[in-house]
Amino acid sequence: MKEKLDFVRLPLALIAIFFVGNLILGATGTSYDIAKRLFSMVILQTHIALLWAPVGRRYRGYSIGAAIASIVLVIFVSQILIWGATIFSYLAGIHTYFNDPVAITGGSAEEVSFGAAMVARAAGLVANCILGVILSAIGWAMGGLIPVTKET
């Protein structure tokens, strides 16, 4: 497990940067639409799944299972951050991108109860991990396209 944690340090750092970016833009009053164009954590998860799995295959010799496990670890951490920030936002009574109705429902601006938000976030955690499995398998399959480095 330590080896996988070492391998995913860069993706986890990117997740942390995007998380903090969301917090900063939210605190400055930037619109949700603009913030998501800059710091969408779900889009970042998609890119990581498609790109980091083939890197694991080519440069770490990961099997498809090991590559998927690495990516799902990153996505799980990202989703837990989103879930935790949603809980904090509701309990603190502050409006953030994490309790924004559009972020939770995917389109409706109608207020969402705490319970409904937690159910939606739990579903998002499961759905994004499943999507991560699929995308990282696709990425791993494309890993053969990465050229082998020459040893000198």
Protein backbone atom coordinates (compact mmCIF):
# COMPACT_ATOMS: atom_id res chain seq x y z
CA MET A 1 0.00 0.00 0.00
CA LYS A 2 2.86 2.37 0.77
CA GLU A 3 4.16 1.93 -2.78
CA LYS A 4 0.75 2.90 -4.19
CA LEU A 5 0.57 5.92 -1.87
CA ASP A 6 4.00 6.99 -3.10
CA PHE A 7 2.84 6.57 -6.71
CA VAL A 8 -0.29 8.71 -6.26
CA ARG A 9 1.37 11.62 -4.44
CA LEU A 10 1.17 13.88 -7.50
CA PRO A 11 -2.52 13.18 -8.20
CA LEU A 12 -3.33 13.64 -4.50
CA ALA A 13 -1.45 16.95 -4.51
CA LEU A 14 -3.49 18.05 -7.52
CA ILE A 15 -6.71 17.05 -5.73
CA ALA A 16 -5.61 19.11 -2.71
CA ILE A 17 -4.82 22.12 -4.93
CA PHE A 18 -8.22 21.91 -6.62
CA PHE A 19 -9.94 21.53 -3.23
CA VAL A 20 -8.20 24.63 -1.86
CA GLY A 21 -8.92 26.45 -5.14
CA ASN A 22 -12.61 25.74 -4.65
CA LEU A 23 -12.46 27.05 -1.09
CA ILE A 24 -10.65 30.23 -2.13
CA LEU A 25 -12.90 30.99 -5.09
CA GLY A 26 -15.96 30.30 -2.97
CA ALA A 27 -14.73 32.65 -0.25
CA THR A 28 -14.10 35.41 -2.80
CA GLY A 29 -17.61 35.12 -4.22
CA THR A 30 -16.63 33.83 -7.65
CA SER A 31 -19.61 32.36 -9.49
CA TYR A 32 -20.06 28.59 -9.34
CA ASP A 33 -19.87 28.28 -13.14
CA ILE A 34 -16.51 30.04 -13.36
CA ALA A 35 -15.09 28.12 -10.41
CA LYS A 36 -16.03 24.77 -11.92
CA ARG A 37 -14.33 25.73 -15.18
CA LEU A 38 -11.14 26.30 -13.21
CA PHE A 39 -11.26 23.76 -10.39
CA SER A 40 -13.69 20.92 -11.13
CA MET A 41 -12.58 18.05 -8.93
CA VAL A 42 -14.66 15.51 -10.88
CA ILE A 43 -13.12 16.53 -14.20
CA LEU A 44 -9.69 16.28 -12.57
CA GLN A 45 -10.58 12.76 -11.37
CA THR A 46 -11.46 11.84 -14.95
CA HIS A 47 -8.15 13.11 -16.28
CA ILE A 48 -6.20 11.37 -13.53
CA ALA A 49 -7.95 8.08 -14.27
CA LEU A 50 -7.25 8.29 -17.98
CA LEU A 51 -3.64 9.46 -17.63
CA TRP A 52 -2.21 8.10 -14.40
CA ALA A 53 -3.26 4.46 -14.95
CA PRO A 54 -1.19 4.17 -18.15
CA VAL A 55 1.75 5.82 -16.38
CA GLY A 56 1.47 3.12 -13.73
CA ARG A 57 1.41 0.47 -16.43
CA ARG A 58 4.37 1.77 -18.39
CA TYR A 59 6.69 3.05 -15.68
CA ARG A 60 5.71 0.98 -12.64
CA GLY A 61 4.74 -2.22 -14.44
CA TYR A 62 1.31 -2.21 -12.81
CA SER A 63 -1.20 -4.84 -13.74
CA ILE A 64 -4.66 -3.57 -14.63
CA GLY A 65 -5.83 -4.33 -11.07
CA ALA A 66 -2.98 -2.40 -9.46
CA ALA A 67 -3.53 0.58 -11.75
CA ILE A 68 -7.26 0.60 -10.99
CA ALA A 69 -6.59 0.34 -7.25
CA SER A 70 -4.27 3.36 -7.40
CA ILE A 71 -6.81 5.47 -9.26
CA VAL A 72 -9.74 4.46 -7.07
CA LEU A 73 -7.64 5.44 -4.03
CA VAL A 74 -7.21 8.96 -5.46
CA ILE A 75 -10.89 9.26 -6.40
CA PHE A 76 -11.98 7.99 -2.99
CA VAL A 77 -9.84 10.61 -1.22
CA SER A 78 -11.24 13.32 -3.50
CA GLN A 79 -14.82 12.25 -2.86
CA ILE A 80 -14.24 12.10 0.90
CA LEU A 81 -12.94 15.68 0.77
CA ILE A 82 -16.08 16.72 -1.12
CA TRP A 83 -18.28 14.82 1.32
CA GLY A 84 -16.53 16.30 4.35
CA ALA A 85 -16.71 19.83 2.97
CA THR A 86 -20.42 19.35 2.30
CA ILE A 87 -21.03 18.21 5.88
CA PHE A 88 -18.98 21.13 7.25
CA SER A 89 -20.82 23.63 5.03
CA TYR A 90 -24.23 22.46 6.21
CA LEU A 91 -23.29 22.19 9.88
CA ALA A 92 -21.54 25.57 9.91
CA GLY A 93 -24.46 27.16 8.06
CA ILE A 94 -22.25 28.73 5.42
CA HIS A 95 -22.77 28.70 1.67
CA THR A 96 -19.93 27.07 -0.25
CA TYR A 97 -19.63 25.33 -3.59
CA PHE A 98 -19.90 22.06 -1.68
CA ASN A 99 -23.46 22.71 -0.51
CA ASP A 100 -24.52 24.63 -3.61
CA PRO A 101 -27.76 23.10 -4.92
CA VAL A 102 -26.42 22.99 -8.49
CA ALA A 103 -23.39 21.00 -7.31
CA ILE A 104 -25.58 18.53 -5.45
CA THR A 105 -28.49 18.09 -7.86
CA GLY A 106 -26.65 18.68 -11.10
CA GLY A 107 -28.83 21.54 -12.28
CA SER A 108 -31.61 22.67 -9.96
CA ALA A 109 -31.07 25.85 -7.95
CA GLU A 110 -33.69 24.74 -5.41
CA GLU A 111 -32.37 24.32 -1.84
CA VAL A 112 -31.40 20.78 -0.85
CA SER A 113 -31.85 19.40 2.67
CA PHE A 114 -28.86 18.07 4.58
CA GLY A 115 -30.14 14.48 4.38
CA ALA A 116 -30.77 14.67 0.63
CA ALA A 117 -27.32 16.22 0.13
CA MET A 118 -25.64 13.40 2.04
CA VAL A 119 -27.50 10.78 0.02
CA ALA A 120 -26.48 12.55 -3.20
CA ARG A 121 -22.86 12.80 -2.06
CA ALA A 122 -22.80 9.11 -1.08
CA ALA A 123 -24.20 8.20 -4.50
CA GLY A 124 -21.58 10.46 -6.09
CA LEU A 125 -18.82 8.70 -4.16
CA VAL A 126 -19.95 5.29 -5.41
CA ALA A 127 -20.65 6.47 -8.98
CA ASN A 128 -17.33 8.29 -9.30
CA CYS A 129 -15.38 5.30 -7.98
CA ILE A 130 -17.14 3.04 -10.51
CA LEU A 131 -16.45 5.55 -13.28
CA GLY A 132 -12.83 5.66 -12.10
CA VAL A 133 -12.58 1.88 -12.47
CA ILE A 134 -13.87 2.06 -16.04
CA LEU A 135 -11.74 5.04 -17.06
CA SER A 136 -8.58 3.72 -15.45
CA ALA A 137 -9.07 0.39 -17.25
CA ILE A 138 -9.36 2.30 -20.53
CA GLY A 139 -6.30 4.36 -19.60
CA TRP A 140 -4.34 1.25 -18.64
CA ALA A 141 -5.21 -0.33 -21.99
CA MET A 142 -3.87 2.76 -23.76
CA GLY A 143 -0.68 2.63 -21.69
CA GLY A 144 0.98 0.56 -24.37
CA LEU A 145 1.07 3.71 -26.51
CA ILE A 146 3.53 5.38 -24.13
CA PRO A 147 7.03 4.90 -25.48
CA VAL A 148 9.45 2.87 -23.41
CA THR A 149 12.29 4.97 -22.01
CA LYS A 150 15.79 4.19 -23.17
CA GLU A 151 18.31 3.27 -20.51
CA THR A 152 21.72 4.86 -20.88
